Amino acid sequence: IIRSSPARIKPCCPVYGECGSCDLQHGSYTEQLIIKQGIVAESLQRAKVSVEQVRNTLASPVQWGYRSRLRLKINPAGQLGFFKKRSNTFIPLADCPVATSGICSAISELNNTEVLRPLAGAYPELELLESPADGKITLILRENKQQSPPTAALRELAELTSISHVGRLSRKGLQYISSQAEPLSQHIRLKERDCMLSWTGACFSQVNPGQNEQIIKLVCELAGELHGKTVLDLYCGMGNFSIPLGLCGGTLTGIEGNEESIRWAEKNARQAGITARFFVADVRSALKQLAKQQERTDIVLLDPPRSGVGKNISLLPLLEPNKIISVSCDPATLARDLNMLCSHNYKITSAIPVDMFPQTSHVESVVLLERQ
């Protein structure tokens, strides 16, 4: 550094620069939002995607203590931590300023006991999840298939005061160690009617609940009037967008590869009192089938994993949607997918970066395409 930028600040985390997670703590939050707008704009430009303007980044309601889901490594001594950036060097963790206070309390209690030491061989990592609705903490151990877990140590883990539920995730699925656990849940406030979304640790969920509610409202706003219209939600998960869109009046069909997520999408639909159809299927294969059957829909919502949709996105225009709303967590794969859609008579009418991950360079994007 020859001369510090006025936007440069002192990072608050003692392991910042070593830990492989946050990488923008040295920038003011205003500057972080500008940087993320630039990342999305540059990605679209590089892919030769035509867009009039990338809007200002939608700020997170909170910049610290927002993560309600945190995955941590367990070293042979039973300590919790992260790997150093671009290495397998273990960095012990006493606290994490981007995690919720409940998760930080659980980390502290786990570090102050030796309960993880006998489990370290069977479980190389764990995940801590806080339910946004009630603050209860679920701990999920990610099993190493080569070793059997010591059951006595598992029972001891389930007795910790900061943790409400303990589960094991293996190829057989999620199994709770203690009594039947309650699901995680989030209350979503909508213009039409509030709803409760519920899921388990085997389902995907956004790490930032406050920003998740904002992005749901943004998607509903971009979808517009939905009464009498059909909506196809691809990569629907546990119904994070499906249920609110259904409450806005849309007739929903959701497709998702995770069977556990589909079970909870169906439960969430029943709880909300909406009629929706959900199917367990590989989205790329489902797109082929829908195009072959000459299915039609008014609106398509995409919320793919980091890898994006890929070449099968070129089948979407065959369904003749008037609107396609893409929610993406990777600007590069988003730009690639948009490039293919824009070559099929669709135009980008809104491109909004969303700060789902403050203090990091990761950026979510919501893009609306309309048929010309």
Protein backbone atom coordinates (compact mmCIF):
# COMPACT_ATOMS: atom_id res chain seq x y z
CA ILE A 1 0.00 0.00 0.00
CA ILE A 2 1.54 3.29 -1.14
CA ARG A 3 -1.32 5.44 0.08
CA SER A 4 -4.39 4.12 1.89
CA SER A 5 -7.78 4.72 0.32
CA PRO A 6 -10.24 6.77 2.42
CA ALA A 7 -12.49 3.71 2.19
CA ARG A 8 -9.90 1.47 3.88
CA ILE A 9 -10.72 0.59 7.49
CA LYS A 10 -9.18 -1.62 10.16
CA PRO A 11 -10.62 -5.17 10.09
CA CYS A 12 -12.20 -6.23 13.38
CA CYS A 13 -11.46 -9.95 13.13
CA PRO A 14 -8.14 -11.08 14.68
CA VAL A 15 -7.62 -13.79 12.02
CA TYR A 16 -8.63 -11.61 9.04
CA GLY A 17 -6.24 -12.24 6.17
CA GLU A 18 -5.45 -15.75 7.43
CA CYS A 19 -8.95 -17.26 7.56
CA GLY A 20 -10.20 -18.22 4.11
CA SER A 21 -13.66 -16.74 4.59
CA CYS A 22 -14.05 -12.94 4.73
CA ASP A 23 -11.95 -10.88 2.30
CA LEU A 24 -13.50 -7.38 2.34
CA GLN A 25 -13.36 -6.44 6.02
CA HIS A 26 -10.72 -3.83 5.21
CA GLY A 27 -13.29 -1.82 3.20
CA SER A 28 -16.05 0.43 4.53
CA TYR A 29 -19.51 -1.01 4.01
CA THR A 30 -20.41 1.72 1.49
CA GLU A 31 -17.33 0.76 -0.52
CA GLN A 32 -18.17 -2.94 -0.32
CA LEU A 33 -21.54 -2.26 -1.97
CA ILE A 34 -19.84 -0.27 -4.77
CA ILE A 35 -17.30 -3.05 -5.31
CA LYS A 36 -20.05 -5.66 -5.61
CA GLN A 37 -21.98 -3.58 -8.12
CA GLY A 38 -18.75 -3.38 -10.14
CA ILE A 39 -18.19 -7.15 -9.94
CA VAL A 40 -21.64 -7.87 -11.41
CA ALA A 41 -21.33 -5.15 -14.07
CA GLU A 42 -17.90 -6.37 -15.17
CA SER A 43 -19.04 -10.02 -15.34
CA LEU A 44 -21.93 -9.09 -17.63
CA GLN A 45 -19.68 -6.89 -19.76
CA ARG A 46 -17.07 -9.64 -20.18
CA ALA A 47 -19.78 -12.06 -21.33
CA LYS A 48 -21.08 -9.41 -23.79
CA VAL A 49 -24.46 -9.35 -22.06
CA SER A 50 -26.39 -6.21 -22.93
CA VAL A 51 -27.82 -4.38 -19.93
CA GLU A 52 -28.65 -0.69 -19.68
CA GLN A 53 -27.68 -0.35 -16.03
CA VAL A 54 -26.71 -2.52 -13.08
CA ARG A 55 -28.60 -1.04 -10.15
CA ASN A 56 -27.05 -0.15 -6.80
CA THR A 57 -26.35 -3.14 -4.56
CA LEU A 58 -29.18 -4.00 -2.19
CA ALA A 59 -27.58 -3.56 1.24
CA SER A 60 -27.89 -6.19 3.96
CA PRO A 61 -30.05 -5.17 6.97
CA VAL A 62 -27.05 -6.01 9.19
CA GLN A 63 -23.36 -6.23 8.31
CA TRP A 64 -22.14 -8.26 11.31
CA GLY A 65 -23.63 -11.21 13.16
CA TYR A 66 -25.79 -12.10 10.16
CA ARG A 67 -24.69 -15.67 9.42
CA SER A 68 -27.24 -18.16 10.73
CA ARG A 69 -25.33 -21.07 9.19
CA LEU A 70 -21.62 -21.75 9.65
CA ARG A 71 -19.54 -24.75 8.63
CA LEU A 72 -16.36 -25.38 10.63
CA LYS A 73 -13.45 -27.79 10.46
CA ILE A 74 -12.56 -30.04 13.42
CA ASN A 75 -8.86 -30.72 13.95
CA PRO A 76 -7.51 -33.91 15.64
CA ALA A 77 -7.41 -32.09 19.01
CA GLY A 78 -11.13 -31.40 18.76
CA GLN A 79 -10.69 -27.68 18.08
CA LEU A 80 -12.98 -25.73 15.75
CA GLY A 81 -11.66 -23.50 12.99
CA PHE A 82 -11.29 -22.71 9.31
CA PHE A 83 -8.64 -23.53 6.77
CA LYS A 84 -6.18 -20.77 5.89
CA LYS A 85 -6.83 -19.16 2.52
CA ARG A 86 -5.79 -21.42 -0.37
CA SER A 87 -4.35 -24.08 1.95
CA ASN A 88 -5.22 -26.89 4.36
CA THR A 89 -3.55 -25.12 7.27
CA PHE A 90 -5.92 -25.10 10.23
CA ILE A 91 -6.76 -21.73 11.86
CA PRO A 92 -8.35 -22.15 15.35
CA LEU A 93 -11.46 -20.06 15.88
CA ALA A 94 -12.57 -18.54 19.19
CA ASP A 95 -15.30 -16.35 17.72
CA CYS A 96 -16.65 -15.27 14.33
CA PRO A 97 -17.89 -11.67 13.97
CA VAL A 98 -20.11 -12.45 10.97
CA ALA A 99 -21.90 -15.31 12.79
CA THR A 100 -24.97 -14.82 14.99
CA SER A 101 -24.50 -14.48 18.74
CA GLY A 102 -26.15 -17.89 19.26
CA ILE A 103 -23.65 -19.60 16.96
CA CYS A 104 -20.75 -17.77 18.67
CA SER A 105 -22.01 -19.01 22.06
CA ALA A 106 -22.08 -22.57 20.73
CA ILE A 107 -18.51 -22.21 19.39
CA SER A 108 -17.37 -20.95 22.80
CA GLU A 109 -18.99 -23.84 24.68
CA LEU A 110 -17.62 -26.42 22.26
CA ASN A 111 -14.11 -24.96 22.57
CA ASN A 112 -14.31 -24.93 26.38
CA THR A 113 -15.01 -28.66 26.56
CA GLU A 114 -13.21 -31.65 25.07
CA VAL A 115 -16.39 -33.17 23.72
CA LEU A 116 -15.23 -32.96 20.09
CA ARG A 117 -11.85 -34.65 20.62
CA PRO A 118 -13.13 -38.27 20.45
CA LEU A 119 -15.34 -37.33 17.48
CA ALA A 120 -12.64 -35.66 15.38
CA GLY A 121 -11.64 -38.79 13.46
CA ALA A 122 -15.18 -39.72 12.44
CA TYR A 123 -16.28 -36.15 11.77
CA PRO A 124 -13.86 -33.80 9.99
CA GLU A 125 -16.34 -30.91 10.08
CA LEU A 126 -19.61 -29.73 11.56
CA GLU A 127 -22.23 -27.16 10.77
CA LEU A 128 -23.98 -24.85 13.23
CA LEU A 129 -27.41 -23.53 12.24
CA GLU A 130 -29.55 -21.01 14.08
CA SER A 131 -33.29 -21.03 13.51
CA PRO A 132 -34.24 -17.41 12.65
CA ALA A 133 -37.70 -17.81 14.20
CA ASP A 134 -36.64 -18.87 17.71
CA GLY A 135 -32.83 -18.71 17.90
CA LYS A 136 -32.42 -22.42 18.67
CA ILE A 137 -29.10 -23.92 17.56
CA THR A 138 -28.81 -27.16 15.61
CA LEU A 139 -25.43 -28.86 15.31
CA ILE A 140 -24.91 -31.20 12.36
CA LEU A 141 -21.89 -33.47 12.15
CA ARG A 142 -20.72 -34.36 8.65
CA GLU A 143 -19.70 -37.99 8.76
CA ASN A 144 -16.49 -39.53 7.48
CA LYS A 145 -17.72 -42.81 5.98
CA GLN A 146 -14.48 -44.63 6.85
CA GLN A 147 -14.89 -44.45 10.63
CA SER A 148 -17.66 -45.35 13.05
CA PRO A 149 -18.82 -42.56 15.38
CA PRO A 150 -18.40 -43.08 19.17
CA THR A 151 -21.99 -43.06 20.48
CA ALA A 152 -21.09 -42.03 24.07
CA ALA A 153 -19.40 -38.84 22.81
CA LEU A 154 -22.42 -38.09 20.63
CA ARG A 155 -24.74 -38.28 23.63
CA GLU A 156 -22.43 -35.95 25.59
CA LEU A 157 -22.53 -33.47 22.71
CA ALA A 158 -26.34 -33.47 22.79
CA GLU A 159 -26.24 -32.37 26.46
CA LEU A 160 -24.50 -29.02 25.84
CA THR A 161 -26.62 -26.08 26.97
CA SER A 162 -26.08 -23.84 23.93
CA ILE A 163 -27.24 -26.51 21.45
CA SER A 164 -30.87 -27.60 21.11
CA HIS A 165 -30.52 -30.38 18.54
CA VAL A 166 -27.69 -32.59 17.26
CA GLY A 167 -27.79 -34.49 13.99
CA ARG A 168 -25.54 -36.66 11.81
CA LEU A 169 -25.45 -36.18 8.07
CA SER A 170 -24.28 -39.12 5.97
CA ARG A 171 -25.15 -40.74 2.66
CA LYS A 172 -28.20 -42.21 4.42
CA GLY A 173 -29.48 -38.70 5.10
CA LEU A 174 -29.92 -36.65 8.27
CA GLN A 175 -30.46 -38.48 11.55
CA TYR A 176 -31.02 -36.71 14.87
CA ILE A 177 -29.18 -38.05 17.90
CA SER A 178 -31.52 -36.67 20.54
CA SER A 179 -35.31 -36.76 20.55
CA GLN A 180 -37.23 -35.65 17.47
CA ALA A 181 -35.85 -32.23 16.58
CA GLU A 182 -37.88 -29.24 15.61
CA PRO A 183 -37.25 -27.82 12.14
CA LEU A 184 -35.49 -24.53 11.56
CA SER A 185 -37.91 -21.82 10.49
CA GLN A 186 -38.20 -18.19 9.41
CA HIS A 187 -41.15 -15.84 9.54
CA ILE A 188 -41.52 -13.93 6.23
CA ARG A 189 -43.53 -10.69 6.16
CA LEU A 190 -45.26 -10.13 2.83
CA LYS A 191 -47.59 -7.45 1.52
CA GLU A 192 -50.38 -10.00 0.92
CA ARG A 193 -49.95 -12.29 3.93
CA ASP A 194 -47.15 -13.41 6.21
CA CYS A 195 -45.88 -16.97 6.07
CA MET A 196 -43.59 -19.34 7.95
CA LEU A 197 -40.95 -21.30 6.07
CA SER A 198 -39.50 -24.41 7.74
CA TRP A 199 -36.70 -26.81 6.81
CA THR A 200 -34.01 -29.11 8.25
CA GLY A 201 -30.24 -29.02 8.09
CA ALA A 202 -30.33 -31.37 5.10
CA CYS A 203 -31.98 -28.62 3.02
CA PHE A 204 -30.36 -25.57 1.47
CA SER A 205 -31.14 -22.27 3.20
CA GLN A 206 -29.76 -18.77 2.84
CA VAL A 207 -27.20 -17.81 5.50
CA ASN A 208 -28.52 -14.25 5.98
CA PRO A 209 -32.19 -14.36 7.11
CA GLY A 210 -32.77 -10.61 7.03
CA GLN A 211 -31.46 -10.31 3.50
CA ASN A 212 -33.34 -13.46 2.51
CA GLU A 213 -36.61 -11.71 3.38
CA GLN A 214 -35.57 -8.68 1.32
CA ILE A 215 -34.66 -10.79 -1.71
CA ILE A 216 -37.99 -12.66 -1.49
CA LYS A 217 -39.84 -9.32 -1.55
CA LEU A 218 -37.71 -8.18 -4.50
CA VAL A 219 -38.53 -11.33 -6.49
CA CYS A 220 -42.26 -10.91 -5.77
CA GLU A 221 -42.05 -7.27 -6.91
CA LEU A 222 -40.31 -8.20 -10.17
CA ALA A 223 -42.82 -10.99 -10.83
CA GLY A 224 -45.65 -8.42 -10.78
CA GLU A 225 -49.33 -9.35 -10.86
CA LEU A 226 -49.56 -13.14 -10.49
CA HIS A 227 -53.26 -13.92 -10.18
CA GLY A 228 -54.21 -16.33 -12.94
CA LYS A 229 -50.57 -16.89 -13.95
CA THR A 230 -48.40 -19.99 -13.81
CA VAL A 231 -44.94 -19.96 -12.24
CA LEU A 232 -42.22 -22.58 -12.71
CA ASP A 233 -39.66 -22.50 -9.87
CA LEU A 234 -36.50 -24.34 -10.88
CA TYR A 235 -34.13 -25.32 -8.04
CA CYS A 236 -37.02 -24.51 -5.69
CA GLY A 237 -35.43 -25.95 -2.53
CA MET A 238 -37.82 -25.96 0.43
CA GLY A 239 -40.04 -23.36 -1.26
CA ASN A 240 -38.13 -20.23 -0.26
CA PHE A 241 -39.55 -18.36 -3.27
CA SER A 242 -42.35 -20.76 -4.26
CA ILE A 243 -44.46 -20.20 -1.17
CA PRO A 244 -44.33 -16.36 -1.25
CA LEU A 245 -45.04 -16.36 -5.01
CA GLY A 246 -47.98 -18.68 -4.41
CA LEU A 247 -49.30 -16.33 -1.73
CA CYS A 248 -49.04 -13.51 -4.29
CA GLY A 249 -51.49 -15.43 -6.47
CA GLY A 250 -49.32 -17.57 -8.73
CA THR A 251 -50.03 -21.21 -9.58
CA LEU A 252 -46.76 -22.89 -8.62
CA THR A 253 -44.76 -25.82 -9.92
CA GLY A 254 -41.42 -26.43 -8.20
CA ILE A 255 -38.59 -28.73 -9.28
CA GLU A 256 -35.62 -29.64 -7.08
CA GLY A 257 -33.12 -32.50 -6.89
CA ASN A 258 -32.99 -32.71 -3.08
CA GLU A 259 -35.75 -35.02 -1.83
CA GLU A 260 -35.64 -33.65 1.73
CA SER A 261 -36.13 -30.10 0.41
CA ILE A 262 -39.17 -31.17 -1.62
CA ARG A 263 -40.74 -32.76 1.48
CA TRP A 264 -40.44 -29.44 3.28
CA ALA A 265 -41.64 -27.46 0.26
CA GLU A 266 -44.83 -29.54 0.35
CA LYS A 267 -45.20 -29.02 4.11
CA ASN A 268 -44.63 -25.28 3.74
CA ALA A 269 -47.26 -25.09 0.99
CA ARG A 270 -49.82 -26.87 3.17
CA GLN A 271 -48.97 -24.62 6.11
CA ALA A 272 -49.43 -21.53 3.92
CA GLY A 273 -52.70 -22.84 2.47
CA ILE A 274 -51.61 -22.67 -1.17
CA THR A 275 -51.94 -25.24 -3.93
CA ALA A 276 -48.60 -26.07 -5.50
CA ARG A 277 -46.97 -29.05 -7.19
CA PHE A 278 -43.43 -30.09 -6.31
CA PHE A 279 -41.27 -32.70 -8.04
CA VAL A 280 -37.93 -34.33 -7.18
CA ALA A 281 -35.91 -34.24 -10.38
CA ASP A 282 -32.64 -33.10 -11.91
CA VAL A 283 -33.48 -29.65 -13.26
CA ARG A 284 -31.47 -30.03 -16.47
CA SER A 285 -33.24 -33.31 -17.29
CA ALA A 286 -36.60 -31.85 -16.28
CA LEU A 287 -36.09 -28.95 -18.71
CA LYS A 288 -35.59 -31.42 -21.55
CA GLN A 289 -38.77 -33.24 -20.62
CA LEU A 290 -40.84 -30.06 -20.27
CA ALA A 291 -39.65 -28.82 -23.68
CA LYS A 292 -40.39 -32.20 -25.26
CA GLN A 293 -43.93 -32.13 -23.84
CA GLN A 294 -44.39 -28.58 -25.15
CA GLU A 295 -45.27 -27.28 -21.69
CA ARG A 296 -45.94 -23.55 -21.30
CA THR A 297 -45.61 -21.19 -18.30
CA ASP A 298 -45.97 -17.46 -17.70
CA ILE A 299 -42.98 -16.95 -15.40
CA VAL A 300 -39.81 -18.95 -14.71
CA LEU A 301 -37.78 -18.46 -11.54
CA LEU A 302 -34.22 -19.77 -11.46
CA ASP A 303 -32.18 -20.14 -8.26
CA PRO A 304 -29.38 -22.50 -9.33
CA PRO A 305 -26.25 -23.56 -7.43
CA ARG A 306 -22.93 -21.80 -8.07
CA SER A 307 -22.41 -23.78 -11.30
CA GLY A 308 -25.49 -22.16 -12.87
CA VAL A 309 -27.93 -23.84 -15.24
CA GLY A 310 -25.57 -24.52 -18.16
CA LYS A 311 -26.36 -25.28 -21.79
CA ASN A 312 -29.88 -26.59 -21.08
CA ILE A 313 -30.94 -23.04 -20.25
CA SER A 314 -31.39 -22.64 -24.01
CA LEU A 315 -34.52 -24.84 -23.60
CA LEU A 316 -36.25 -22.27 -21.40
CA PRO A 317 -37.51 -20.08 -24.27
CA LEU A 318 -39.39 -23.14 -25.61
CA LEU A 319 -41.67 -22.84 -22.55
CA GLU A 320 -42.53 -19.30 -23.75
CA PRO A 321 -42.39 -17.48 -20.40
CA ASN A 322 -43.02 -13.75 -20.56
CA LYS A 323 -40.65 -13.24 -17.63
CA ILE A 324 -37.57 -15.08 -16.41
CA ILE A 325 -36.23 -14.12 -12.96
CA SER A 326 -32.74 -15.38 -12.21
CA VAL A 327 -31.34 -15.45 -8.67
CA SER A 328 -27.64 -16.24 -8.80
CA CYS A 329 -24.77 -16.54 -6.31
CA ASP A 330 -22.03 -16.47 -8.98
CA PRO A 331 -21.72 -13.52 -11.41
CA ALA A 332 -19.60 -15.49 -13.91
CA THR A 333 -22.02 -18.40 -14.41
CA LEU A 334 -24.93 -15.95 -14.30
CA ALA A 335 -23.40 -13.96 -17.16
CA ARG A 336 -22.85 -17.15 -19.17
CA ASP A 337 -26.46 -18.25 -18.71
CA LEU A 338 -27.84 -14.78 -19.48
CA ASN A 339 -25.81 -14.64 -22.68
CA MET A 340 -27.67 -17.71 -23.96
CA LEU A 341 -31.09 -16.35 -22.94
CA CYS A 342 -30.47 -12.95 -24.54
CA SER A 343 -29.79 -14.68 -27.85
CA HIS A 344 -33.35 -16.10 -27.73
CA ASN A 345 -35.36 -12.88 -27.87
CA TYR A 346 -35.14 -11.99 -24.17
CA LYS A 347 -33.96 -8.64 -22.83
CA ILE A 348 -32.65 -7.78 -19.38
CA THR A 349 -34.88 -5.11 -17.84
CA SER A 350 -33.49 -5.18 -14.27
CA ALA A 351 -30.14 -6.29 -12.83
CA ILE A 352 -29.76 -5.90 -9.06
CA PRO A 353 -26.72 -7.03 -7.03
CA VAL A 354 -27.72 -8.23 -3.55
CA ASP A 355 -25.33 -8.28 -0.61
CA MET A 356 -26.11 -11.63 0.98
CA PHE A 357 -22.57 -11.98 2.39
CA PRO A 358 -21.25 -8.72 3.95
CA GLN A 359 -17.47 -8.57 4.56
CA THR A 360 -16.84 -11.00 1.69
CA SER A 361 -16.51 -10.55 -2.08
CA HIS A 362 -19.38 -12.99 -2.71
CA VAL A 363 -22.38 -11.31 -4.29
CA GLU A 364 -25.89 -12.51 -5.09
CA SER A 365 -27.72 -11.11 -8.13
CA VAL A 366 -31.36 -10.88 -9.15
CA VAL A 367 -31.99 -10.35 -12.87
CA LEU A 368 -35.30 -9.92 -14.66
CA LEU A 369 -35.54 -10.84 -18.35
CA GLU A 370 -38.64 -10.13 -20.43
CA ARG A 371 -39.65 -11.58 -23.77
CA GLN A 372 -39.50 -9.09 -26.63
